[in-house]
Amino acid sequence: MWAMWELRRYVKRVVVVVAVLLVAAAAGLGVGFGVTALTHRLATLSTVETVPPPAPVVPHPALRPATADGPAPTPAGVGAVLNPLIAAGGLGTLSGQVVDPATGAVLWQRNPASALVPGSTAKLLTASAALLALDHQERFHTTVLAGADPGTVVLRGGGDPTLSGVAQGTETGYPGAARLDDLASQVRAAVHGPVSRVLVDVSRYTGDALAPSWQPADVAGGYIAPIEPVMLDGGRADPHQDISPRAAKPATAAAAELARRLGADPDTVALGSAAPGAAVLGDVSSPPVHDLVTTALQESDNVLAETLAREVARKTGAQPSFAGASQAVLTVLVRHGFDVRGATLVDGSGLSTSDAVPATLLTALLGAAAAPDQSAPDQSAPDQSGTAGGPGNQTTAGGAGNQTTRRGAGNPATAGGTGDQPTDGVNQPPTAALRPLLVGLPVAGGSGTLADRYRDPAGASARGRGWVRAKTGTLTGVNSLAGTVLDSDGRMLVFALLSNGPNPASVRPRLDGLAAQLRSCGCH
């Protein structure tokens, strides 16, 4: 029995071994055939010619420049799109003009030399004068000097209203503003001993701190501050808000804040000055002039515009007061060949309802800024035929007129009177100097005071979004818009539209629609 059981066990083991060997052989044969087939296929593929992949596409984003080579717009074409909107009414008393800066041709106008209250489009005059009279890289310095008595320091205003009281790294309404903390740190490092008192020197500017016809309520309302040569954040109580209650005495408020940071009693702050040659304990500076101009235009900052006007007055030898600064702005424009007849300024911001500016002056300034490089038209003599610099026909809406633009300087009226003004030999269009005007113009639906306009996709102004760039102006019964627009052929036009009378809420969309219409056509 035992032998029989062993035999069966032996046979079973042999059968299993043989089965395993057969499976292994079959697998080996399959692998062999598979490898042979794959090798043959790879050999076949290796003989196929391959084409190198194309070079990767590298995008190069760029803004397409305006062109002067496209079809030229005509007065008839521009009139065809603007006149129906004008005829619809609702604009009150209107002064307007459209000019092709590439040729100087006047394409449309309505009472172009009628001087109307401009609102903040008057800032274009102040900004232009600043760019023409001041070094674009100039900065205005706020300094702290050693006082006559031990422990006393003097904060001296140098014309920078953008100095900020917020911490470094925190945004303010003024890009690139200097910080009071920096100034205080410099003083602490320079002073040997405690600071017990801070005086403030405001002698850089003269005259009243508020302009004639300004409303004192606008200070508390956040639209303006008394104009002094030193303040924090434009005198704002909240530096993060464009419209915020302003300090009644901004220079004293700035000195009081400096006193707190130096450990001195803010209640002892007073007006004063340092002795000639006093040691400088600290110094900080504003952004450069061209950046200040951009901010003043983008945000329609009244305080910044007023200080720029005073700096123009100082540069030209005029009194740094409201009267002196207003006169200086117009005088600088005259010296560079612009016709200011009819223009009246009592401030540099356009906040006063006593200001008056014709559309011709606004288009002349914008036309000079937008003129082609080294090919701007000759604009050295006055013209009476309805062109961008002269009085022209008062009712030539869409009329052709004389197509040669002039910025005449003959016998202009300035803020203080009339008389021949020196031209200082300036007879070339100041295009390069005025280029930053274009940078400062708010973009429709995108930036500055136009950020919230042109946004209704169903509105008449929608087509102008992103294409219209313009300075705005709004007061009670006053609405204005002056800037540039690319027409549908890519050709740049400059325009100025001033309305007096109706409620700005009803006029504003009409002016936006007029500018948008210029974008909608080639108008030829």
Protein backbone atom coordinates (compact mmCIF):
# COMPACT_ATOMS: atom_id res chain seq x y z
CA MET A 1 0.00 0.00 0.00
CA TRP A 2 2.75 2.36 0.95
CA ALA A 3 4.62 1.64 -2.33
CA MET A 4 1.50 2.28 -4.41
CA TRP A 5 0.90 5.68 -2.62
CA GLU A 6 4.50 6.77 -3.26
CA LEU A 7 4.21 5.87 -6.93
CA ARG A 8 1.10 7.97 -7.39
CA ARG A 9 2.76 10.90 -5.62
CA TYR A 10 5.77 10.64 -7.91
CA VAL A 11 3.65 10.58 -11.10
CA LYS A 12 1.64 13.63 -9.99
CA ARG A 13 4.84 15.61 -9.34
CA VAL A 14 6.17 14.77 -12.81
CA VAL A 15 2.94 15.91 -14.47
CA VAL A 16 3.04 19.30 -12.65
CA VAL A 17 6.66 19.89 -13.64
CA VAL A 18 5.96 19.06 -17.27
CA ALA A 19 2.95 21.42 -17.31
CA VAL A 20 5.00 24.29 -15.87
CA LEU A 21 7.71 23.71 -18.48
CA LEU A 22 5.17 23.78 -21.31
CA VAL A 23 3.67 27.09 -20.08
CA ALA A 24 7.11 28.66 -19.77
CA ALA A 25 8.04 27.55 -23.27
CA ALA A 26 4.84 28.98 -24.71
CA ALA A 27 5.46 32.31 -22.95
CA GLY A 28 9.02 32.47 -24.18
CA LEU A 29 7.93 31.81 -27.73
CA GLY A 30 5.32 34.62 -27.52
CA VAL A 31 7.82 37.08 -26.16
CA GLY A 32 10.22 36.16 -28.86
CA PHE A 33 7.68 36.72 -31.59
CA GLY A 34 6.60 40.03 -29.92
CA VAL A 35 10.12 41.37 -29.69
CA THR A 36 10.81 40.45 -33.30
CA ALA A 37 7.65 42.19 -34.52
CA LEU A 38 8.33 45.34 -32.46
CA THR A 39 11.93 45.49 -33.67
CA HIS A 40 10.76 45.27 -37.27
CA ARG A 41 8.19 48.02 -36.76
CA LEU A 42 10.69 50.37 -35.12
CA ALA A 43 13.12 49.79 -37.95
CA THR A 44 10.39 50.71 -40.44
CA LEU A 45 9.48 53.91 -38.53
CA SER A 46 13.11 54.99 -38.31
CA THR A 47 13.18 55.36 -42.07
CA VAL A 48 10.31 57.94 -42.12
CA GLU A 49 11.49 61.56 -42.54
CA THR A 50 10.48 63.93 -39.72
CA VAL A 51 9.87 67.67 -39.96
CA PRO A 52 11.30 69.88 -37.16
CA PRO A 53 8.60 71.60 -35.10
CA PRO A 54 8.00 75.27 -35.91
CA ALA A 55 9.63 77.90 -33.76
CA PRO A 56 7.48 78.87 -30.77
CA VAL A 57 5.36 81.96 -31.25
CA VAL A 58 6.52 84.73 -28.93
CA PRO A 59 3.89 87.45 -28.46
CA HIS A 60 5.09 91.05 -28.30
CA PRO A 61 2.21 93.13 -26.86
CA ALA A 62 2.29 96.78 -27.91
CA LEU A 63 -0.02 99.74 -28.05
CA ARG A 64 -0.84 100.73 -31.58
CA PRO A 65 0.05 104.39 -32.04
CA ALA A 66 -2.29 106.94 -33.49
CA THR A 67 -1.78 107.40 -37.18
CA ALA A 68 -1.74 110.46 -39.38
CA ASP A 69 -1.78 108.33 -42.53
CA GLY A 70 -5.41 107.24 -42.42
CA PRO A 71 -8.21 109.06 -44.18
CA ALA A 72 -8.39 112.60 -42.84
CA PRO A 73 -11.62 113.52 -41.08
CA THR A 74 -13.53 116.45 -42.57
CA PRO A 75 -15.69 119.20 -41.05
CA ALA A 76 -18.72 117.77 -42.85
CA GLY A 77 -18.06 114.29 -41.46
CA VAL A 78 -17.58 115.48 -37.89
CA GLY A 79 -20.58 117.79 -38.12
CA ALA A 80 -22.73 114.93 -39.33
CA VAL A 81 -22.21 112.96 -36.10
CA LEU A 82 -22.14 115.87 -33.61
CA ASN A 83 -24.78 118.26 -34.89
CA PRO A 84 -27.79 115.95 -34.33
CA LEU A 85 -26.77 115.51 -30.68
CA ILE A 86 -26.34 119.26 -30.27
CA ALA A 87 -29.71 119.89 -31.88
CA ALA A 88 -31.36 117.56 -29.37
CA GLY A 89 -30.74 120.26 -26.76
CA GLY A 90 -30.16 120.02 -23.04
CA LEU A 91 -26.63 121.44 -23.16
CA GLY A 92 -27.37 125.02 -22.10
CA THR A 93 -24.77 127.56 -23.20
CA LEU A 94 -22.14 125.62 -25.13
CA SER A 95 -18.62 126.37 -26.29
CA GLY A 96 -16.92 123.60 -28.20
CA GLN A 97 -14.30 122.74 -30.77
CA VAL A 98 -12.76 119.65 -32.41
CA VAL A 99 -9.31 119.83 -34.03
CA ASP A 100 -7.08 117.40 -35.93
CA PRO A 101 -3.68 117.87 -34.21
CA ALA A 102 -1.83 116.24 -37.12
CA THR A 103 -2.84 119.03 -39.49
CA GLY A 104 -4.18 121.74 -37.23
CA ALA A 105 -7.50 121.66 -39.08
CA VAL A 106 -10.58 122.78 -37.20
CA LEU A 107 -13.19 120.09 -37.84
CA TRP A 108 -16.12 121.39 -35.83
CA GLN A 109 -16.91 124.27 -33.51
CA ARG A 110 -19.75 125.99 -31.72
CA ASN A 111 -19.09 129.41 -30.14
CA PRO A 112 -15.45 128.36 -29.74
CA ALA A 113 -14.14 131.69 -28.39
CA SER A 114 -16.94 132.21 -25.86
CA ALA A 115 -15.27 132.09 -22.47
CA LEU A 116 -17.35 129.96 -20.11
CA VAL A 117 -16.82 128.80 -16.55
CA PRO A 118 -14.58 125.74 -17.07
CA GLY A 119 -14.61 123.96 -13.74
CA SER A 120 -11.62 121.67 -13.40
CA THR A 121 -10.71 121.73 -17.09
CA ALA A 122 -8.95 124.94 -16.03
CA LYS A 123 -6.34 122.61 -14.55
CA LEU A 124 -5.15 122.05 -18.12
CA LEU A 125 -3.95 125.67 -18.15
CA THR A 126 -2.15 125.29 -14.81
CA ALA A 127 -0.63 121.95 -15.79
CA SER A 128 0.56 123.32 -19.13
CA ALA A 129 2.18 126.33 -17.49
CA ALA A 130 3.90 124.07 -14.95
CA LEU A 131 5.27 121.82 -17.70
CA LEU A 132 6.47 124.83 -19.68
CA ALA A 133 7.99 126.80 -16.80
CA LEU A 134 9.34 124.17 -14.41
CA ASP A 135 11.94 121.44 -14.80
CA HIS A 136 9.98 118.21 -15.19
CA GLN A 137 12.34 116.50 -12.75
CA GLU A 138 12.16 119.22 -10.10
CA ARG A 139 11.06 118.15 -6.63
CA PHE A 140 9.77 120.30 -3.79
CA HIS A 141 11.50 119.88 -0.44
CA THR A 142 10.15 119.90 3.09
CA THR A 143 12.93 120.57 5.58
CA VAL A 144 13.44 120.78 9.31
CA LEU A 145 15.96 123.34 10.55
CA ALA A 146 17.53 124.00 13.92
CA GLY A 147 15.69 126.70 15.81
CA ALA A 148 17.27 129.61 17.65
CA ASP A 149 16.47 128.14 21.07
CA PRO A 150 17.75 124.78 22.36
CA GLY A 151 15.23 122.02 21.75
CA THR A 152 13.38 124.02 19.10
CA VAL A 153 13.14 122.94 15.47
CA VAL A 154 11.50 124.65 12.49
CA LEU A 155 9.40 122.84 9.89
CA ARG A 156 9.85 124.81 6.65
CA GLY A 157 7.32 124.36 3.88
CA GLY A 158 8.73 123.95 0.40
CA GLY A 159 5.57 123.58 -1.65
CA ASP A 160 4.87 119.86 -1.26
CA PRO A 161 1.26 119.12 -0.28
CA THR A 162 1.77 115.38 -0.87
CA LEU A 163 3.92 114.76 2.25
CA SER A 164 2.14 111.90 4.01
CA GLY A 165 1.58 111.09 7.63
CA VAL A 166 0.88 107.40 6.97
CA ALA A 167 3.46 104.69 7.43
CA GLN A 168 5.91 103.77 4.70
CA GLY A 169 4.48 101.07 2.47
CA THR A 170 0.90 102.24 2.97
CA GLU A 171 -0.72 103.72 -0.11
CA THR A 172 -1.92 107.30 -0.13
CA GLY A 173 -3.66 109.41 -2.75
CA TYR A 174 -0.26 110.65 -3.89
CA PRO A 175 1.98 108.01 -5.51
CA GLY A 176 5.58 108.31 -4.41
CA ALA A 177 4.85 110.75 -1.58
CA ALA A 178 7.51 111.44 1.05
CA ARG A 179 6.73 110.32 4.62
CA LEU A 180 6.66 112.30 7.82
CA ASP A 181 8.16 109.32 9.65
CA ASP A 182 11.26 109.60 7.46
CA LEU A 183 11.58 113.29 8.28
CA ALA A 184 11.13 112.64 12.00
CA SER A 185 13.76 109.87 11.95
CA GLN A 186 16.29 112.21 10.33
CA VAL A 187 15.61 114.87 12.96
CA ARG A 188 15.98 112.45 15.86
CA ALA A 189 19.30 111.26 14.45
CA ALA A 190 20.58 114.82 14.01
CA VAL A 191 19.43 116.38 17.27
CA HIS A 192 21.51 115.90 20.39
CA GLY A 193 18.91 115.95 23.11
CA PRO A 194 15.14 116.13 23.27
CA VAL A 195 12.96 118.28 21.01
CA SER A 196 10.66 120.46 23.09
CA ARG A 197 9.00 122.68 20.49
CA VAL A 198 8.20 122.76 16.75
CA LEU A 199 7.70 125.97 14.78
CA VAL A 200 6.41 126.08 11.20
CA ASP A 201 7.59 128.43 8.43
CA VAL A 202 4.94 129.21 5.77
CA SER A 203 6.69 132.21 4.22
CA ARG A 204 7.09 130.54 0.82
CA TYR A 205 3.56 131.63 -0.18
CA THR A 206 1.84 134.96 0.32
CA GLY A 207 -1.69 136.33 0.39
CA ASP A 208 -4.95 134.71 1.41
CA ALA A 209 -5.14 130.97 1.86
CA LEU A 210 -8.59 130.76 0.21
CA ALA A 211 -9.34 132.19 -3.22
CA PRO A 212 -12.08 134.72 -3.98
CA SER A 213 -15.47 133.07 -4.51
CA TRP A 214 -14.39 129.80 -2.90
CA GLN A 215 -16.91 128.48 -0.43
CA PRO A 216 -15.42 127.95 3.08
CA ALA A 217 -17.77 124.97 3.40
CA ASP A 218 -15.72 123.22 0.72
CA VAL A 219 -12.88 122.87 3.25
CA ALA A 220 -15.00 120.83 5.65
CA GLY A 221 -16.62 119.18 2.64
CA GLY A 222 -13.26 117.80 1.55
CA TYR A 223 -12.80 119.52 -1.82
CA ILE A 224 -10.05 121.98 -0.93
CA ALA A 225 -7.68 123.03 1.86
CA PRO A 226 -6.29 126.46 2.62
CA ILE A 227 -3.22 126.77 0.40
CA GLU A 228 -0.05 126.68 2.49
CA PRO A 229 3.42 125.44 1.53
CA VAL A 230 3.39 122.44 3.88
CA MET A 231 0.62 120.04 4.83
CA LEU A 232 0.02 116.34 5.25
CA ASP A 233 -1.86 114.39 2.56
CA GLY A 234 -3.27 117.55 1.00
CA GLY A 235 -4.73 118.51 4.38
CA ARG A 236 -7.04 115.46 4.48
CA ALA A 237 -8.29 114.05 7.75
CA ASP A 238 -8.38 110.62 6.09
CA PRO A 239 -5.45 110.24 3.68
CA HIS A 240 -7.06 107.19 2.08
CA GLN A 241 -10.12 109.09 0.84
CA ASP A 242 -10.07 111.53 -2.09
CA ILE A 243 -12.88 113.52 -0.54
CA SER A 244 -12.22 113.93 3.17
CA PRO A 245 -12.62 116.90 5.54
CA ARG A 246 -9.56 119.14 5.32
CA ALA A 247 -7.60 120.91 8.03
CA ALA A 248 -8.53 124.55 8.60
CA LYS A 249 -4.83 125.27 9.24
CA PRO A 250 -2.97 122.51 7.40
CA ALA A 251 0.57 123.79 8.04
CA THR A 252 -0.01 124.04 11.79
CA ALA A 253 -1.62 120.60 11.76
CA ALA A 254 1.43 119.13 10.01
CA ALA A 255 3.79 120.74 12.54
CA ALA A 256 1.67 119.43 15.42
CA GLU A 257 1.90 115.90 14.05
CA LEU A 258 5.66 116.23 13.67
CA ALA A 259 5.83 117.42 17.28
CA ARG A 260 3.99 114.32 18.47
CA ARG A 261 6.41 112.06 16.64
CA LEU A 262 9.38 113.89 18.12
CA GLY A 263 7.98 113.78 21.64
CA ALA A 264 7.26 117.51 21.79
CA ASP A 265 4.05 119.21 22.94
CA PRO A 266 1.83 119.77 19.85
CA ASP A 267 -0.01 122.56 21.66
CA THR A 268 3.13 124.73 21.58
CA VAL A 269 3.31 124.78 17.78
CA ALA A 270 3.44 128.29 16.33
CA LEU A 271 4.51 130.13 13.21
CA GLY A 272 8.20 130.96 13.08
CA SER A 273 11.38 130.76 11.05
CA ALA A 274 14.96 129.67 11.44
CA ALA A 275 17.96 131.96 11.35
CA PRO A 276 19.85 132.26 8.04
CA GLY A 277 22.31 129.40 7.71
CA ALA A 278 20.59 127.26 10.33
CA ALA A 279 21.56 123.62 10.32
CA VAL A 280 19.39 121.28 8.27
CA LEU A 281 18.17 118.46 10.50
CA GLY A 282 16.01 116.65 7.96
CA ASP A 283 14.87 116.88 4.34
CA VAL A 284 12.36 114.96 2.23
CA SER A 285 11.10 115.70 -1.26
CA SER A 286 8.00 115.36 -3.40
CA PRO A 287 7.62 113.27 -6.53
CA PRO A 288 8.94 115.05 -9.66
CA VAL A 289 6.89 117.77 -11.35
CA HIS A 290 5.74 115.58 -14.23
CA ASP A 291 4.28 113.07 -11.75
CA LEU A 292 2.60 115.84 -9.78
CA VAL A 293 1.00 117.11 -12.99
CA THR A 294 -0.27 113.62 -13.80
CA THR A 295 -1.82 113.22 -10.35
CA ALA A 296 -3.39 116.68 -10.44
CA LEU A 297 -5.09 115.88 -13.75
CA GLN A 298 -6.00 112.24 -13.10
CA GLU A 299 -7.58 112.87 -9.73
CA SER A 300 -8.55 116.52 -10.33
CA ASP A 301 -6.69 117.40 -7.14
CA ASN A 302 -7.43 121.04 -6.32
CA VAL A 303 -4.73 121.50 -3.69
CA LEU A 304 -2.01 120.07 -5.92
CA ALA A 305 -3.09 122.28 -8.83
CA GLU A 306 -2.98 125.38 -6.63
CA THR A 307 0.51 124.64 -5.35
CA LEU A 308 1.76 124.03 -8.89
CA ALA A 309 0.34 127.42 -9.92
CA ARG A 310 2.21 129.09 -7.04
CA GLU A 311 5.43 127.35 -8.02
CA VAL A 312 4.97 128.70 -11.55
CA ALA A 313 4.60 132.17 -10.00
CA ARG A 314 7.79 131.76 -7.99
CA LYS A 315 9.67 130.54 -11.06
CA THR A 316 8.60 133.52 -13.14
CA GLY A 317 9.16 136.15 -10.44
CA ALA A 318 5.47 136.75 -9.68
CA GLN A 319 3.92 136.85 -6.24
CA PRO A 320 3.09 133.31 -5.03
CA SER A 321 -0.49 134.28 -4.23
CA PHE A 322 -3.78 133.56 -5.95
CA ALA A 323 -3.58 136.72 -8.04
CA GLY A 324 0.11 136.30 -8.80
CA ALA A 325 -0.19 132.61 -9.66
CA SER A 326 -3.21 133.14 -11.93
CA GLN A 327 -1.39 135.89 -13.81
CA ALA A 328 1.77 133.79 -14.03
CA VAL A 329 -0.07 130.83 -15.58
CA LEU A 330 -1.50 132.95 -18.39
CA THR A 331 1.77 134.83 -18.90
CA VAL A 332 3.70 131.58 -19.36
CA LEU A 333 1.17 130.39 -21.93
CA VAL A 334 1.45 133.67 -23.83
CA ARG A 335 5.23 133.46 -23.84
CA HIS A 336 4.93 130.10 -25.56
CA GLY A 337 2.65 131.42 -28.25
CA PHE A 338 -0.82 130.56 -26.94
CA ASP A 339 -3.69 132.99 -27.42
CA VAL A 340 -5.31 133.57 -24.03
CA ARG A 341 -7.76 136.23 -25.15
CA GLY A 342 -10.98 135.89 -23.19
CA ALA A 343 -9.42 133.74 -20.47
CA THR A 344 -9.79 134.85 -16.85
CA LEU A 345 -8.32 132.98 -13.90
CA VAL A 346 -8.61 133.71 -10.19
CA ASP A 347 -7.24 130.35 -9.07
CA GLY A 348 -5.24 127.43 -10.46
CA SER A 349 -7.73 124.64 -9.90
CA GLY A 350 -10.91 125.86 -11.59
CA LEU A 351 -12.84 125.71 -8.33
CA SER A 352 -13.90 129.33 -8.67
CA THR A 353 -16.98 130.27 -10.67
CA SER A 354 -15.14 133.50 -11.59
CA ASP A 355 -12.81 131.57 -13.90
CA ALA A 356 -13.61 131.72 -17.62
CA VAL A 357 -11.90 129.85 -20.48
CA PRO A 358 -12.78 129.51 -24.19
CA ALA A 359 -12.75 126.14 -25.91
CA THR A 360 -10.12 127.46 -28.33
CA LEU A 361 -7.51 127.70 -25.58
CA LEU A 362 -8.16 124.18 -24.36
CA THR A 363 -7.89 122.67 -27.85
CA ALA A 364 -4.77 124.72 -28.55
CA LEU A 365 -3.03 123.28 -25.47
CA LEU A 366 -4.17 119.73 -26.17
CA GLY A 367 -3.38 120.10 -29.87
CA ALA A 368 0.18 121.16 -29.08
CA ALA A 369 0.60 118.21 -26.71
CA ALA A 370 -0.77 115.77 -29.31
CA ALA A 371 0.94 117.18 -32.39
CA PRO A 372 3.23 114.79 -34.29
CA ASP A 373 6.87 114.93 -33.28
CA GLN A 374 8.88 117.53 -35.20
CA SER A 375 5.96 118.18 -37.49
CA ALA A 376 3.58 120.31 -35.50
CA PRO A 377 1.95 123.07 -37.54
CA ASP A 378 3.22 126.62 -37.42
CA GLN A 379 1.13 128.34 -34.76
CA SER A 380 2.95 131.59 -34.24
CA ALA A 381 0.48 134.23 -35.42
CA PRO A 382 -3.09 135.13 -34.48
CA ASP A 383 -5.93 134.14 -36.75
CA GLN A 384 -9.47 135.48 -36.77
CA SER A 385 -11.06 132.94 -39.06
CA GLY A 386 -12.33 130.31 -36.62
CA THR A 387 -9.19 128.27 -36.08
CA ALA A 388 -7.99 126.57 -32.92
CA GLY A 389 -6.16 129.54 -31.52
CA GLY A 390 -8.26 132.48 -32.60
CA PRO A 391 -11.73 133.80 -31.76
CA GLY A 392 -13.18 132.80 -35.12
CA ASN A 393 -16.79 132.60 -36.16
CA GLN A 394 -19.02 132.18 -33.14
CA THR A 395 -21.57 129.91 -34.83
CA THR A 396 -19.62 127.75 -37.28
CA ALA A 397 -20.82 124.36 -36.08
CA GLY A 398 -19.29 122.00 -38.59
CA GLY A 399 -18.04 124.82 -40.79
CA ALA A 400 -14.79 124.39 -42.62
CA GLY A 401 -13.33 127.83 -42.01
CA ASN A 402 -9.64 128.33 -42.39
CA GLN A 403 -7.95 124.99 -41.87
CA THR A 404 -4.68 126.39 -40.50
CA THR A 405 -4.39 126.36 -36.72
CA ARG A 406 -2.80 129.31 -34.95
CA ARG A 407 -1.79 129.88 -31.33
CA GLY A 408 -1.44 133.63 -31.79
CA ALA A 409 0.28 135.69 -29.14
CA GLY A 410 -0.81 139.11 -30.31
CA ASN A 411 -2.22 141.51 -27.71
CA PRO A 412 -3.79 138.86 -25.47
CA ALA A 413 -6.00 139.44 -22.46
CA THR A 414 -4.55 138.03 -19.26
CA ALA A 415 -6.01 137.64 -15.80
CA GLY A 416 -5.09 141.16 -14.81
CA GLY A 417 -5.62 143.06 -18.04
CA THR A 418 -4.51 143.34 -21.67
CA GLY A 419 -1.29 144.23 -23.37
CA ASP A 420 1.44 142.90 -25.59
CA GLN A 421 3.20 140.07 -23.81
CA PRO A 422 6.82 139.06 -24.51
CA THR A 423 7.30 135.81 -26.35
CA ASP A 424 10.90 135.31 -25.18
CA GLY A 425 11.76 134.15 -28.69
CA VAL A 426 9.60 131.04 -28.29
CA ASN A 427 8.09 130.36 -31.70
CA GLN A 428 8.03 126.60 -31.93
CA PRO A 429 5.11 124.50 -30.69
CA PRO A 430 6.10 123.19 -27.23
CA THR A 431 4.98 119.66 -28.05
CA ALA A 432 7.72 117.80 -26.17
CA ALA A 433 7.22 119.81 -22.98
CA LEU A 434 3.45 119.32 -23.06
CA ARG A 435 3.41 115.59 -23.84
CA PRO A 436 2.79 114.68 -20.15
CA LEU A 437 -0.61 116.35 -20.45
CA LEU A 438 -1.74 113.32 -22.45
CA VAL A 439 -0.45 110.91 -19.81
CA GLY A 440 -2.42 112.72 -17.13
CA LEU A 441 -5.77 112.59 -18.88
CA PRO A 442 -8.20 110.13 -17.26
CA VAL A 443 -9.27 107.16 -19.41
CA ALA A 444 -12.99 106.73 -20.08
CA GLY A 445 -14.31 103.90 -17.93
CA GLY A 446 -10.82 103.15 -16.66
CA SER A 447 -9.05 105.72 -14.50
CA GLY A 448 -9.24 108.93 -12.54
CA THR A 449 -12.36 111.04 -12.72
CA LEU A 450 -13.61 109.07 -15.74
CA ALA A 451 -13.34 105.67 -14.04
CA ASP A 452 -17.06 105.50 -13.31
CA ARG A 453 -18.25 106.98 -16.60
CA TYR A 454 -18.74 105.35 -20.03
CA ARG A 455 -19.63 102.08 -18.28
CA ASP A 456 -23.25 101.53 -19.34
CA PRO A 457 -23.04 99.02 -22.24
CA ALA A 458 -26.40 100.24 -23.50
CA GLY A 459 -25.55 103.93 -23.13
CA ALA A 460 -24.69 106.35 -25.89
CA SER A 461 -21.17 106.75 -24.52
CA ALA A 462 -20.27 103.02 -24.38
CA ARG A 463 -18.29 103.10 -27.63
CA GLY A 464 -15.95 105.67 -26.13
CA ARG A 465 -14.86 103.47 -23.27
CA GLY A 466 -11.08 103.08 -23.29
CA TRP A 467 -10.74 105.41 -26.30
CA VAL A 468 -11.66 108.78 -24.85
CA ARG A 469 -9.09 110.41 -22.57
CA ALA A 470 -10.21 113.69 -21.08
CA LYS A 471 -10.06 116.16 -18.22
CA THR A 472 -13.40 116.64 -16.53
CA GLY A 473 -14.91 119.71 -14.93
CA THR A 474 -17.96 119.94 -12.68
CA LEU A 475 -19.43 122.74 -10.58
CA THR A 476 -22.99 123.77 -9.89
CA GLY A 477 -24.40 124.59 -13.32
CA VAL A 478 -21.04 123.81 -14.96
CA ASN A 479 -19.89 120.74 -16.88
CA SER A 480 -16.90 120.42 -19.20
CA LEU A 481 -14.86 117.75 -20.94
CA ALA A 482 -11.62 118.32 -22.86
CA GLY A 483 -9.22 115.72 -24.18
CA THR A 484 -8.36 113.31 -26.98
CA VAL A 485 -10.01 110.42 -28.79
CA LEU A 486 -8.97 108.01 -31.54
CA ASP A 487 -11.51 107.82 -34.35
CA SER A 488 -12.33 104.50 -36.03
CA ASP A 489 -9.47 105.00 -38.50
CA GLY A 490 -6.96 105.35 -35.65
CA ARG A 491 -6.53 109.08 -36.12
CA MET A 492 -6.27 111.23 -33.00
CA LEU A 493 -8.64 114.17 -32.49
CA VAL A 494 -8.62 116.75 -29.71
CA PHE A 495 -11.80 118.29 -28.41
CA ALA A 496 -13.12 120.70 -25.80
CA LEU A 497 -16.74 120.94 -24.70
CA LEU A 498 -17.94 123.44 -22.07
CA SER A 499 -21.55 123.72 -20.89
CA ASN A 500 -22.92 126.32 -18.49
CA GLY A 501 -26.44 126.44 -17.11
CA PRO A 502 -28.14 123.05 -16.72
CA ASN A 503 -27.65 120.56 -13.92
CA PRO A 504 -24.38 118.68 -14.47
CA ALA A 505 -26.14 115.36 -13.83
CA SER A 506 -28.16 115.84 -17.00
CA VAL A 507 -25.36 117.35 -19.10
CA ARG A 508 -22.60 114.91 -18.22
CA PRO A 509 -23.95 111.93 -20.23
CA ARG A 510 -24.58 114.24 -23.20
CA LEU A 511 -20.97 115.43 -23.22
CA ASP A 512 -19.77 111.85 -22.85
CA GLY A 513 -21.95 110.88 -25.79
CA LEU A 514 -20.50 113.66 -27.98
CA ALA A 515 -16.95 112.49 -27.31
CA ALA A 516 -17.96 108.86 -27.93
CA GLN A 517 -19.44 109.81 -31.29
CA LEU A 518 -16.01 111.01 -32.41
CA ARG A 519 -14.73 107.50 -31.70
CA SER A 520 -17.53 105.90 -33.70
CA CYS A 521 -16.62 107.31 -37.11
CA GLY A 522 -13.78 108.11 -39.44
CA CYS A 523 -15.79 111.28 -40.15
CA HIS A 524 -14.42 111.79 -43.65
